[in-house]
Amino acid sequence: MNGLFFSIDGGDGVGKTTQMDLLCRWLSEQRHEVTACRDPGSTGLGEAVREILLTRHDLEIHRRAEMLLYMAARAQLVEEVIRPALEQGRTVVSDRFLLANVVYQGYGGGLDVETLWRVGETAVGGVMPRRIFLLDLPAEAAARRMTRQLDRMEQQGAEFHARVRQGFLTEAARRSEIVVIDASRPVAEVQDAIRQAARPLLGNIP
């Protein structure tokens, strides 16, 4: 596979969508052919699973079942969207990927973290981001940014989201592909930090 794979992650409300849009636009300006996707989502199966996981407040979903639904959506995303794009030499940018599953269902939800990584390795079939841009913001500050109606995962409570933030930082200390970006700064400064972290993999981009 000749393409590059990036993902943007972090807790709810840290600004992932804004930063992803800016990054994709910049990469396109640098003559990269960009494929943008979201996890879960971006496939028929993924969008159906997303609907169940995020909007079906009437369903009781055990954490293991929740984890496996995310994994199934991701496996489809890899085989239908990400792997073909990488094989075509495209640059893929994903809104979340396996790290989020590990952190939300592991550190947040109490499942075993190493088991989640092992199941995840099977789900993604060897396809992992070269860089993960982790947007970091205290959970309380992130919560204040969310003025829309919250989805099922966003409604898990302050203690859950505090565990999620710490989980992201714990994994960042363990894995060199994760770059922590201070998301409390202005949008342009956050984007500049992401671009600086991406440049070493992009060749001669100024």
N, C-alpha and C. Protein backbone atom coordinates (compact mmCIF):
# COMPACT_ATOMS: atom_id res chain seq x y z
N MET A 1 0.85 -1.20 0.00
CA MET A 1 0.00 0.00 0.00
C MET A 1 0.88 1.24 0.00
N ASN A 2 0.62 2.14 -0.95
CA ASN A 2 1.48 3.30 -1.13
C ASN A 2 0.94 4.56 -0.49
N GLY A 3 -0.31 4.56 -0.06
CA GLY A 3 -0.90 5.77 0.49
C GLY A 3 -0.53 5.99 1.95
N LEU A 4 -0.92 7.16 2.46
CA LEU A 4 -0.71 7.51 3.86
C LEU A 4 -2.04 7.50 4.59
N PHE A 5 -2.00 7.07 5.83
CA PHE A 5 -3.22 6.97 6.63
C PHE A 5 -3.03 7.76 7.92
N PHE A 6 -3.88 8.77 8.11
CA PHE A 6 -3.91 9.57 9.32
C PHE A 6 -5.27 9.41 10.00
N SER A 7 -5.31 9.53 11.32
CA SER A 7 -6.59 9.64 12.00
C SER A 7 -6.52 10.78 13.01
N ILE A 8 -7.68 11.34 13.29
CA ILE A 8 -7.83 12.40 14.28
C ILE A 8 -8.73 11.88 15.37
N ASP A 9 -8.29 12.01 16.62
CA ASP A 9 -9.07 11.45 17.71
C ASP A 9 -9.05 12.39 18.91
N GLY A 10 -9.77 11.98 19.95
CA GLY A 10 -9.88 12.78 21.16
C GLY A 10 -11.28 12.67 21.72
N GLY A 11 -11.49 13.25 22.86
CA GLY A 11 -12.80 13.20 23.50
C GLY A 11 -13.84 13.99 22.73
N ASP A 12 -15.09 13.80 23.11
CA ASP A 12 -16.18 14.52 22.47
C ASP A 12 -16.05 16.01 22.77
N GLY A 13 -16.22 16.83 21.74
CA GLY A 13 -16.20 18.28 21.91
C GLY A 13 -14.84 18.93 21.76
N VAL A 14 -13.81 18.17 21.35
CA VAL A 14 -12.47 18.76 21.25
C VAL A 14 -12.22 19.46 19.92
N GLY A 15 -13.12 19.30 18.94
CA GLY A 15 -12.95 19.99 17.66
C GLY A 15 -12.45 19.13 16.54
N LYS A 16 -12.68 17.83 16.59
CA LYS A 16 -12.16 16.92 15.56
C LYS A 16 -12.67 17.27 14.16
N THR A 17 -13.96 17.53 14.04
CA THR A 17 -14.54 17.76 12.72
C THR A 17 -13.93 18.99 12.06
N THR A 18 -13.82 20.07 12.81
CA THR A 18 -13.22 21.29 12.28
C THR A 18 -11.79 21.05 11.82
N GLN A 19 -11.00 20.41 12.67
CA GLN A 19 -9.59 20.19 12.34
C GLN A 19 -9.43 19.21 11.19
N MET A 20 -10.28 18.22 11.11
CA MET A 20 -10.21 17.26 10.01
C MET A 20 -10.50 17.96 8.68
N ASP A 21 -11.53 18.81 8.66
CA ASP A 21 -11.87 19.53 7.44
C ASP A 21 -10.70 20.40 6.98
N LEU A 22 -10.06 21.09 7.92
CA LEU A 22 -8.93 21.96 7.58
C LEU A 22 -7.74 21.14 7.09
N LEU A 23 -7.48 20.00 7.74
CA LEU A 23 -6.36 19.15 7.33
C LEU A 23 -6.59 18.60 5.93
N CYS A 24 -7.78 18.12 5.65
CA CYS A 24 -8.07 17.57 4.32
C CYS A 24 -7.95 18.63 3.24
N ARG A 25 -8.40 19.84 3.54
CA ARG A 25 -8.29 20.93 2.57
C ARG A 25 -6.82 21.24 2.29
N TRP A 26 -6.02 21.30 3.35
CA TRP A 26 -4.59 21.59 3.20
C TRP A 26 -3.88 20.49 2.39
N LEU A 27 -4.17 19.23 2.71
CA LEU A 27 -3.57 18.12 1.98
C LEU A 27 -3.94 18.18 0.50
N SER A 28 -5.18 18.53 0.20
CA SER A 28 -5.60 18.66 -1.19
C SER A 28 -4.83 19.78 -1.88
N GLU A 29 -4.59 20.88 -1.16
CA GLU A 29 -3.81 21.99 -1.72
C GLU A 29 -2.38 21.58 -2.02
N GLN A 30 -1.89 20.58 -1.26
CA GLN A 30 -0.53 20.05 -1.51
C GLN A 30 -0.53 18.93 -2.55
N ARG A 31 -1.64 18.83 -3.29
CA ARG A 31 -1.80 17.88 -4.39
C ARG A 31 -1.87 16.41 -3.94
N HIS A 32 -2.33 16.21 -2.73
CA HIS A 32 -2.66 14.86 -2.28
C HIS A 32 -4.09 14.54 -2.70
N GLU A 33 -4.30 13.33 -3.16
CA GLU A 33 -5.66 12.86 -3.38
C GLU A 33 -6.16 12.31 -2.06
N VAL A 34 -7.16 12.96 -1.50
CA VAL A 34 -7.57 12.69 -0.12
C VAL A 34 -8.88 11.91 -0.08
N THR A 35 -8.91 10.89 0.76
CA THR A 35 -10.14 10.19 1.10
C THR A 35 -10.43 10.44 2.57
N ALA A 36 -11.55 11.08 2.84
CA ALA A 36 -11.97 11.35 4.22
C ALA A 36 -13.06 10.36 4.62
N CYS A 37 -13.01 9.90 5.85
CA CYS A 37 -14.02 8.95 6.32
C CYS A 37 -14.23 9.14 7.82
N ARG A 38 -15.26 8.49 8.33
CA ARG A 38 -15.50 8.53 9.78
C ARG A 38 -15.75 7.13 10.29
N ASP A 39 -15.33 6.91 11.53
CA ASP A 39 -15.42 5.59 12.16
C ASP A 39 -16.17 5.73 13.49
N PRO A 40 -17.38 5.14 13.60
CA PRO A 40 -18.05 4.29 12.61
C PRO A 40 -18.73 5.13 11.53
N GLY A 41 -18.87 4.54 10.36
CA GLY A 41 -19.56 5.21 9.27
C GLY A 41 -18.87 5.02 7.95
N SER A 42 -19.28 5.83 6.97
CA SER A 42 -18.70 5.90 5.63
C SER A 42 -18.93 4.65 4.77
N THR A 43 -19.69 3.69 5.27
CA THR A 43 -20.16 2.55 4.48
C THR A 43 -21.62 2.31 4.87
N GLY A 44 -22.32 1.53 4.06
CA GLY A 44 -23.71 1.24 4.41
C GLY A 44 -23.82 0.57 5.76
N LEU A 45 -22.97 -0.45 6.00
CA LEU A 45 -22.98 -1.13 7.29
C LEU A 45 -22.56 -0.19 8.41
N GLY A 46 -21.51 0.58 8.16
CA GLY A 46 -21.00 1.47 9.19
C GLY A 46 -22.02 2.51 9.63
N GLU A 47 -22.76 3.06 8.67
CA GLU A 47 -23.76 4.06 9.03
C GLU A 47 -24.93 3.43 9.79
N ALA A 48 -25.28 2.20 9.43
CA ALA A 48 -26.34 1.51 10.17
C ALA A 48 -25.92 1.22 11.61
N VAL A 49 -24.66 0.78 11.78
CA VAL A 49 -24.13 0.53 13.12
C VAL A 49 -24.04 1.84 13.90
N ARG A 50 -23.61 2.90 13.25
CA ARG A 50 -23.51 4.21 13.90
C ARG A 50 -24.87 4.64 14.46
N GLU A 51 -25.90 4.41 13.64
CA GLU A 51 -27.26 4.76 14.08
C GLU A 51 -27.63 4.00 15.36
N ILE A 52 -27.31 2.72 15.41
CA ILE A 52 -27.61 1.92 16.60
C ILE A 52 -26.82 2.42 17.80
N LEU A 53 -25.53 2.63 17.61
CA LEU A 53 -24.65 2.95 18.73
C LEU A 53 -24.87 4.34 19.29
N LEU A 54 -25.20 5.30 18.45
CA LEU A 54 -25.23 6.69 18.91
C LEU A 54 -26.62 7.27 19.13
N THR A 55 -27.64 6.70 18.48
CA THR A 55 -28.96 7.33 18.59
C THR A 55 -30.03 6.46 19.23
N ARG A 56 -29.78 5.15 19.36
CA ARG A 56 -30.81 4.26 19.89
C ARG A 56 -30.77 4.22 21.40
N HIS A 57 -31.33 5.25 22.01
CA HIS A 57 -31.34 5.34 23.47
C HIS A 57 -32.25 4.29 24.10
N ASP A 58 -33.12 3.68 23.29
CA ASP A 58 -34.06 2.70 23.81
C ASP A 58 -33.45 1.30 23.92
N LEU A 59 -32.25 1.10 23.36
CA LEU A 59 -31.63 -0.22 23.37
C LEU A 59 -30.65 -0.37 24.53
N GLU A 60 -30.69 -1.52 25.18
CA GLU A 60 -29.67 -1.87 26.18
C GLU A 60 -28.53 -2.55 25.44
N ILE A 61 -27.34 -1.94 25.47
CA ILE A 61 -26.19 -2.49 24.75
C ILE A 61 -25.06 -2.72 25.75
N HIS A 62 -24.72 -3.98 25.97
CA HIS A 62 -23.62 -4.30 26.88
C HIS A 62 -22.31 -3.80 26.29
N ARG A 63 -21.34 -3.48 27.15
CA ARG A 63 -20.08 -2.93 26.66
C ARG A 63 -19.38 -3.86 25.66
N ARG A 64 -19.43 -5.18 25.90
CA ARG A 64 -18.78 -6.08 24.94
C ARG A 64 -19.50 -6.04 23.60
N ALA A 65 -20.83 -6.01 23.64
CA ALA A 65 -21.59 -5.92 22.40
C ALA A 65 -21.30 -4.58 21.71
N GLU A 66 -21.22 -3.53 22.48
CA GLU A 66 -20.90 -2.21 21.96
C GLU A 66 -19.55 -2.23 21.26
N MET A 67 -18.56 -2.82 21.95
CA MET A 67 -17.21 -2.91 21.38
C MET A 67 -17.21 -3.66 20.06
N LEU A 68 -17.93 -4.79 20.01
CA LEU A 68 -17.93 -5.62 18.80
C LEU A 68 -18.67 -4.94 17.65
N LEU A 69 -19.69 -4.17 17.96
CA LEU A 69 -20.37 -3.41 16.91
C LEU A 69 -19.42 -2.39 16.28
N TYR A 70 -18.68 -1.68 17.12
CA TYR A 70 -17.68 -0.74 16.59
C TYR A 70 -16.65 -1.48 15.74
N MET A 71 -16.19 -2.64 16.21
CA MET A 71 -15.18 -3.40 15.47
C MET A 71 -15.72 -3.85 14.11
N ALA A 72 -16.98 -4.29 14.07
CA ALA A 72 -17.57 -4.74 12.81
C ALA A 72 -17.66 -3.59 11.81
N ALA A 73 -18.09 -2.43 12.29
CA ALA A 73 -18.17 -1.26 11.41
C ALA A 73 -16.80 -0.89 10.88
N ARG A 74 -15.79 -1.00 11.73
CA ARG A 74 -14.41 -0.64 11.34
C ARG A 74 -13.85 -1.63 10.32
N ALA A 75 -14.12 -2.91 10.51
CA ALA A 75 -13.66 -3.92 9.55
C ALA A 75 -14.22 -3.62 8.17
N GLN A 76 -15.49 -3.27 8.10
CA GLN A 76 -16.10 -2.94 6.82
C GLN A 76 -15.49 -1.67 6.24
N LEU A 77 -15.24 -0.68 7.09
CA LEU A 77 -14.63 0.58 6.64
C LEU A 77 -13.25 0.32 6.03
N VAL A 78 -12.47 -0.52 6.67
CA VAL A 78 -11.13 -0.84 6.16
C VAL A 78 -11.22 -1.48 4.79
N GLU A 79 -12.06 -2.49 4.65
CA GLU A 79 -12.08 -3.27 3.41
C GLU A 79 -12.80 -2.56 2.27
N GLU A 80 -13.77 -1.72 2.61
CA GLU A 80 -14.55 -1.06 1.57
C GLU A 80 -13.97 0.30 1.17
N VAL A 81 -13.34 1.00 2.12
CA VAL A 81 -12.90 2.37 1.86
C VAL A 81 -11.39 2.55 2.03
N ILE A 82 -10.86 2.23 3.21
CA ILE A 82 -9.49 2.63 3.53
C ILE A 82 -8.45 1.85 2.75
N ARG A 83 -8.53 0.52 2.80
CA ARG A 83 -7.52 -0.28 2.09
C ARG A 83 -7.50 0.02 0.58
N PRO A 84 -8.66 0.05 -0.10
CA PRO A 84 -8.61 0.39 -1.53
C PRO A 84 -8.00 1.76 -1.80
N ALA A 85 -8.30 2.75 -0.95
CA ALA A 85 -7.74 4.09 -1.15
C ALA A 85 -6.23 4.08 -0.99
N LEU A 86 -5.73 3.39 0.04
CA LEU A 86 -4.29 3.31 0.25
C LEU A 86 -3.60 2.59 -0.91
N GLU A 87 -4.23 1.56 -1.41
CA GLU A 87 -3.64 0.82 -2.54
C GLU A 87 -3.58 1.67 -3.80
N GLN A 88 -4.45 2.67 -3.89
CA GLN A 88 -4.43 3.61 -5.01
C GLN A 88 -3.48 4.78 -4.78
N GLY A 89 -2.78 4.78 -3.64
CA GLY A 89 -1.84 5.85 -3.34
C GLY A 89 -2.47 7.09 -2.76
N ARG A 90 -3.72 7.01 -2.33
CA ARG A 90 -4.40 8.16 -1.76
C ARG A 90 -3.99 8.38 -0.31
N THR A 91 -4.24 9.59 0.19
CA THR A 91 -4.03 9.90 1.60
C THR A 91 -5.38 9.83 2.30
N VAL A 92 -5.48 8.98 3.30
CA VAL A 92 -6.73 8.76 4.02
C VAL A 92 -6.68 9.50 5.36
N VAL A 93 -7.75 10.21 5.66
CA VAL A 93 -7.89 10.86 6.96
C VAL A 93 -9.21 10.38 7.56
N SER A 94 -9.13 9.77 8.74
CA SER A 94 -10.32 9.22 9.38
C SER A 94 -10.64 9.96 10.68
N ASP A 95 -11.90 10.30 10.83
CA ASP A 95 -12.41 10.85 12.09
C ASP A 95 -12.63 9.66 13.03
N ARG A 96 -11.67 9.45 13.92
CA ARG A 96 -11.58 8.32 14.84
C ARG A 96 -11.14 7.04 14.11
N PHE A 97 -10.60 6.13 14.92
CA PHE A 97 -10.26 4.79 14.43
C PHE A 97 -10.14 3.89 15.66
N LEU A 98 -9.32 2.86 15.61
CA LEU A 98 -9.28 1.85 16.66
C LEU A 98 -8.96 2.43 18.04
N LEU A 99 -8.10 3.43 18.11
CA LEU A 99 -7.75 4.01 19.41
C LEU A 99 -8.99 4.42 20.20
N ALA A 100 -9.96 5.02 19.52
CA ALA A 100 -11.17 5.46 20.21
C ALA A 100 -11.91 4.29 20.85
N ASN A 101 -11.99 3.18 20.13
CA ASN A 101 -12.64 1.97 20.63
C ASN A 101 -11.95 1.47 21.90
N VAL A 102 -10.62 1.43 21.85
CA VAL A 102 -9.83 0.99 23.01
C VAL A 102 -10.08 1.89 24.21
N VAL A 103 -10.10 3.19 23.98
CA VAL A 103 -10.22 4.14 25.09
C VAL A 103 -11.64 4.20 25.63
N TYR A 104 -12.62 4.32 24.76
CA TYR A 104 -14.01 4.48 25.23
C TYR A 104 -14.53 3.21 25.90
N GLN A 105 -14.32 2.05 25.29
CA GLN A 105 -14.84 0.82 25.88
C GLN A 105 -13.88 0.22 26.91
N GLY A 106 -12.61 0.57 26.83
CA GLY A 106 -11.62 0.07 27.77
C GLY A 106 -11.49 0.96 28.99
N TYR A 107 -10.81 2.08 28.83
CA TYR A 107 -10.60 2.99 29.96
C TYR A 107 -11.93 3.57 30.46
N GLY A 108 -12.82 3.91 29.54
CA GLY A 108 -14.10 4.47 29.94
C GLY A 108 -15.07 3.42 30.44
N GLY A 109 -15.18 2.31 29.69
CA GLY A 109 -16.22 1.33 29.98
C GLY A 109 -15.80 0.13 30.78
N GLY A 110 -14.50 -0.03 31.06
CA GLY A 110 -14.06 -1.08 31.96
C GLY A 110 -13.65 -2.39 31.31
N LEU A 111 -13.66 -2.48 29.98
CA LEU A 111 -13.18 -3.70 29.33
C LEU A 111 -11.65 -3.73 29.34
N ASP A 112 -11.09 -4.92 29.16
CA ASP A 112 -9.64 -5.08 29.21
C ASP A 112 -8.99 -4.43 27.98
N VAL A 113 -8.06 -3.52 28.24
CA VAL A 113 -7.46 -2.74 27.17
C VAL A 113 -6.67 -3.61 26.19
N GLU A 114 -5.87 -4.53 26.70
CA GLU A 114 -5.06 -5.36 25.81
C GLU A 114 -5.93 -6.28 24.95
N THR A 115 -7.03 -6.76 25.51
CA THR A 115 -7.97 -7.56 24.71
C THR A 115 -8.56 -6.73 23.58
N LEU A 116 -8.88 -5.48 23.87
CA LEU A 116 -9.42 -4.59 22.84
C LEU A 116 -8.42 -4.39 21.70
N TRP A 117 -7.16 -4.19 22.04
CA TRP A 117 -6.14 -4.05 20.99
C TRP A 117 -6.05 -5.33 20.15
N ARG A 118 -6.11 -6.49 20.81
CA ARG A 118 -6.00 -7.75 20.06
C ARG A 118 -7.19 -7.95 19.13
N VAL A 119 -8.40 -7.71 19.63
CA VAL A 119 -9.58 -7.82 18.77
C VAL A 119 -9.49 -6.80 17.63
N GLY A 120 -9.01 -5.62 17.97
CA GLY A 120 -8.88 -4.56 16.96
C GLY A 120 -7.92 -4.93 15.86
N GLU A 121 -6.82 -5.59 16.21
CA GLU A 121 -5.85 -6.01 15.20
C GLU A 121 -6.49 -6.95 14.18
N THR A 122 -7.37 -7.83 14.66
CA THR A 122 -8.09 -8.71 13.74
C THR A 122 -9.05 -7.92 12.87
N ALA A 123 -9.76 -6.96 13.48
CA ALA A 123 -10.76 -6.19 12.75
C ALA A 123 -10.15 -5.37 11.62
N VAL A 124 -8.97 -4.79 11.85
CA VAL A 124 -8.40 -3.87 10.86
C VAL A 124 -7.50 -4.58 9.84
N GLY A 125 -7.17 -5.84 10.08
CA GLY A 125 -6.39 -6.60 9.11
C GLY A 125 -5.07 -5.96 8.74
N GLY A 126 -4.39 -5.40 9.71
CA GLY A 126 -3.08 -4.82 9.47
C GLY A 126 -3.07 -3.38 9.01
N VAL A 127 -4.23 -2.77 8.87
CA VAL A 127 -4.31 -1.37 8.41
C VAL A 127 -4.43 -0.45 9.63
N MET A 128 -3.39 0.33 9.89
CA MET A 128 -3.37 1.25 11.02
C MET A 128 -2.82 2.60 10.59
N PRO A 129 -3.24 3.67 11.24
CA PRO A 129 -2.73 5.01 10.88
C PRO A 129 -1.23 5.13 11.16
N ARG A 130 -0.55 5.87 10.28
CA ARG A 130 0.85 6.18 10.51
C ARG A 130 0.98 7.25 11.60
N ARG A 131 0.05 8.18 11.66
CA ARG A 131 0.00 9.19 12.71
C ARG A 131 -1.43 9.31 13.21
N ILE A 132 -1.55 9.42 14.52
CA ILE A 132 -2.85 9.70 15.14
C ILE A 132 -2.72 11.06 15.82
N PHE A 133 -3.50 12.03 15.39
CA PHE A 133 -3.48 13.36 15.98
C PHE A 133 -4.51 13.37 17.11
N LEU A 134 -4.03 13.37 18.33
CA LEU A 134 -4.90 13.31 19.51
C LEU A 134 -5.15 14.72 20.02
N LEU A 135 -6.36 15.21 19.82
CA LEU A 135 -6.74 16.53 20.31
C LEU A 135 -7.12 16.42 21.77
N ASP A 136 -6.36 17.10 22.62
CA ASP A 136 -6.53 16.96 24.06
C ASP A 136 -7.12 18.21 24.68
N LEU A 137 -8.15 18.00 25.49
CA LEU A 137 -8.83 19.08 26.19
C LEU A 137 -9.46 18.48 27.44
N PRO A 138 -9.35 19.16 28.59
CA PRO A 138 -10.05 18.64 29.78
C PRO A 138 -11.52 18.37 29.49
N ALA A 139 -12.03 17.30 30.06
CA ALA A 139 -13.40 16.88 29.74
C ALA A 139 -14.43 17.96 30.04
N GLU A 140 -14.22 18.71 31.12
CA GLU A 140 -15.19 19.77 31.47
C GLU A 140 -15.22 20.86 30.41
N ALA A 141 -14.03 21.24 29.94
CA ALA A 141 -13.96 22.26 28.90
C ALA A 141 -14.57 21.77 27.59
N ALA A 142 -14.32 20.51 27.24
CA ALA A 142 -14.90 19.95 26.03
C ALA A 142 -16.42 19.91 26.12
N ALA A 143 -16.94 19.56 27.30
CA ALA A 143 -18.40 19.48 27.49
C ALA A 143 -19.06 20.84 27.28
N ARG A 144 -18.37 21.91 27.70
CA ARG A 144 -18.94 23.25 27.54
C ARG A 144 -19.05 23.66 26.08
N ARG A 145 -18.27 23.05 25.22
CA ARG A 145 -18.32 23.38 23.80
C ARG A 145 -19.51 22.74 23.08
N MET A 146 -20.11 21.72 23.67
CA MET A 146 -21.17 20.98 22.99
C MET A 146 -22.53 21.55 23.36
N THR A 147 -23.09 22.32 22.43
CA THR A 147 -24.37 22.96 22.68
C THR A 147 -25.52 22.23 21.98
N ARG A 148 -25.21 21.26 21.15
CA ARG A 148 -26.25 20.49 20.45
C ARG A 148 -26.76 19.37 21.36
N GLN A 149 -27.78 18.65 20.88
CA GLN A 149 -28.28 17.48 21.61
C GLN A 149 -27.21 16.40 21.61
N LEU A 150 -26.96 15.81 22.79
CA LEU A 150 -25.89 14.83 22.92
C LEU A 150 -26.33 13.45 22.44
N ASP A 151 -25.38 12.72 21.82
CA ASP A 151 -25.68 11.36 21.41
C ASP A 151 -25.50 10.40 22.59
N ARG A 152 -25.74 9.11 22.32
CA ARG A 152 -25.73 8.11 23.39
C ARG A 152 -24.39 8.04 24.12
N MET A 153 -23.27 8.09 23.39
CA MET A 153 -21.96 8.02 24.02
C MET A 153 -21.62 9.31 24.76
N GLU A 154 -22.05 10.42 24.21
CA GLU A 154 -21.76 11.71 24.85
C GLU A 154 -22.51 11.87 26.17
N GLN A 155 -23.58 11.11 26.36
CA GLN A 155 -24.39 11.20 27.57
C GLN A 155 -23.90 10.29 28.70
N GLN A 156 -22.69 9.77 28.61
CA GLN A 156 -22.20 8.79 29.59
C GLN A 156 -21.81 9.41 30.93
N GLY A 157 -21.69 10.72 31.00
CA GLY A 157 -21.42 11.36 32.28
C GLY A 157 -20.00 11.87 32.43
N ALA A 158 -19.81 12.80 33.38
CA ALA A 158 -18.52 13.48 33.55
C ALA A 158 -17.41 12.52 33.96
N GLU A 159 -17.68 11.58 34.85
CA GLU A 159 -16.64 10.65 35.30
C GLU A 159 -16.18 9.76 34.15
N PHE A 160 -17.12 9.31 33.34
CA PHE A 160 -16.78 8.49 32.18
C PHE A 160 -15.85 9.26 31.25
N HIS A 161 -16.19 10.50 30.95
CA HIS A 161 -15.39 11.28 30.01
C HIS A 161 -14.04 11.68 30.59
N ALA A 162 -13.96 11.82 31.90
CA ALA A 162 -12.65 12.05 32.53
C ALA A 162 -11.76 10.82 32.37
N ARG A 163 -12.34 9.61 32.52
CA ARG A 163 -11.57 8.38 32.31
C ARG A 163 -11.13 8.26 30.86
N VAL A 164 -12.01 8.66 29.96
CA VAL A 164 -11.68 8.62 28.53
C VAL A 164 -10.48 9.52 28.24
N ARG A 165 -10.51 10.73 28.75
CA ARG A 165 -9.38 11.64 28.49
C ARG A 165 -8.08 11.04 29.02
N GLN A 166 -8.12 10.52 30.25
CA GLN A 166 -6.90 9.95 30.82
C GLN A 166 -6.46 8.72 30.01
N GLY A 167 -7.41 7.96 29.50
CA GLY A 167 -7.08 6.81 28.68
C GLY A 167 -6.35 7.21 27.40
N PHE A 168 -6.84 8.25 26.77
CA PHE A 168 -6.15 8.74 25.58
C PHE A 168 -4.71 9.13 25.91
N LEU A 169 -4.51 9.84 27.00
CA LEU A 169 -3.16 10.29 27.35
C LEU A 169 -2.27 9.11 27.75
N THR A 170 -2.85 8.11 28.41
CA THR A 170 -2.08 6.92 28.77
C THR A 170 -1.60 6.19 27.53
N GLU A 171 -2.49 6.01 26.55
CA GLU A 171 -2.11 5.34 25.31
C GLU A 171 -1.10 6.17 24.52
N ALA A 172 -1.23 7.49 24.57
CA ALA A 172 -0.27 8.35 23.86
C ALA A 172 1.14 8.19 24.43
N ALA A 173 1.23 7.96 25.74
CA ALA A 173 2.54 7.75 26.36
C ALA A 173 3.13 6.41 25.99
N ARG A 174 2.29 5.48 25.54
CA ARG A 174 2.74 4.13 25.20
C ARG A 174 3.05 3.95 23.72
N ARG A 175 2.50 4.80 22.86
CA ARG A 175 2.54 4.55 21.43
C ARG A 175 3.07 5.76 20.68
N SER A 176 4.16 5.56 19.95
CA SER A 176 4.86 6.68 19.32
C SER A 176 4.08 7.29 18.16
N GLU A 177 3.12 6.56 17.59
CA GLU A 177 2.38 7.12 16.45
C GLU A 177 1.34 8.14 16.88
N ILE A 178 1.08 8.24 18.20
CA ILE A 178 0.09 9.19 18.70
C ILE A 178 0.78 10.50 19.06
N VAL A 179 0.31 11.59 18.46
CA VAL A 179 0.85 12.92 18.74
C VAL A 179 -0.22 13.72 19.47
N VAL A 180 0.09 14.17 20.68
CA VAL A 180 -0.87 14.92 21.48
C VAL A 180 -0.84 16.39 21.05
N ILE A 181 -2.02 16.93 20.75
CA ILE A 181 -2.17 18.31 20.32
C ILE A 181 -3.05 19.03 21.34
N ASP A 182 -2.57 20.15 21.87
CA ASP A 182 -3.34 20.94 22.83
C ASP A 182 -4.50 21.60 22.11
N ALA A 183 -5.71 21.13 22.36
CA ALA A 183 -6.89 21.62 21.64
C ALA A 183 -7.53 22.83 22.30
N SER A 184 -6.91 23.35 23.38
CA SER A 184 -7.45 24.54 24.03
C SER A 184 -7.06 25.82 23.29
N ARG A 185 -6.11 25.71 22.36
CA ARG A 185 -5.63 26.88 21.63
C ARG A 185 -6.59 27.28 20.51
N PRO A 186 -6.38 28.45 19.89
CA PRO A 186 -7.22 28.84 18.75
C PRO A 186 -7.15 27.82 17.62
N VAL A 187 -8.21 27.77 16.82
CA VAL A 187 -8.33 26.78 15.76
C VAL A 187 -7.11 26.77 14.85
N ALA A 188 -6.63 27.95 14.44
CA ALA A 188 -5.50 28.02 13.52
C ALA A 188 -4.23 27.45 14.13
N GLU A 189 -4.03 27.68 15.43
CA GLU A 189 -2.84 27.15 16.09
C GLU A 189 -2.91 25.63 16.22
N VAL A 190 -4.08 25.10 16.50
CA VAL A 190 -4.24 23.65 16.57
C VAL A 190 -3.95 23.03 15.21
N GLN A 191 -4.48 23.65 14.15
CA GLN A 191 -4.26 23.13 12.81
C GLN A 191 -2.78 23.19 12.44
N ASP A 192 -2.10 24.26 12.82
CA ASP A 192 -0.67 24.36 12.53
C ASP A 192 0.10 23.24 13.21
N ALA A 193 -0.27 22.92 14.44
CA ALA A 193 0.41 21.83 15.16
C ALA A 193 0.18 20.48 14.47
N ILE A 194 -1.03 20.26 13.96
CA ILE A 194 -1.32 19.02 13.23
C ILE A 194 -0.47 18.95 11.97
N ARG A 195 -0.40 20.04 11.25
CA ARG A 195 0.38 20.05 10.00
C ARG A 195 1.87 19.81 10.29
N GLN A 196 2.37 20.42 11.35
CA GLN A 196 3.78 20.20 11.71
C GLN A 196 4.04 18.73 12.01
N ALA A 197 3.09 18.08 12.68
CA ALA A 197 3.25 16.66 13.00
C ALA A 197 3.12 15.78 11.77
N ALA A 198 2.37 16.23 10.77
CA ALA A 198 2.18 15.44 9.54
C ALA A 198 3.33 15.58 8.57
N ARG A 199 3.98 16.74 8.55
CA ARG A 199 4.98 17.05 7.53
C ARG A 199 6.08 15.99 7.36
N PRO A 200 6.64 15.43 8.45
CA PRO A 200 7.71 14.46 8.25
C PRO A 200 7.33 13.26 7.39
N LEU A 201 6.04 12.98 7.27
CA LEU A 201 5.60 11.84 6.46
C LEU A 201 5.19 12.24 5.05
N LEU A 202 5.22 13.53 4.76
CA LEU A 202 4.64 14.02 3.52
C LEU A 202 5.66 14.40 2.46
N GLY A 203 6.94 14.22 2.74
CA GLY A 203 7.94 14.58 1.74
C GLY A 203 8.31 16.03 1.79
N ASN A 204 8.37 16.68 0.63
CA ASN A 204 8.90 18.04 0.54
C ASN A 204 7.82 19.11 0.60
N ILE A 205 6.85 18.94 1.47
CA ILE A 205 5.83 19.97 1.63
C ILE A 205 6.37 21.06 2.54
N PRO A 206 6.32 22.35 2.11
CA PRO A 206 6.87 23.42 2.94
C PRO A 206 6.01 23.71 4.16
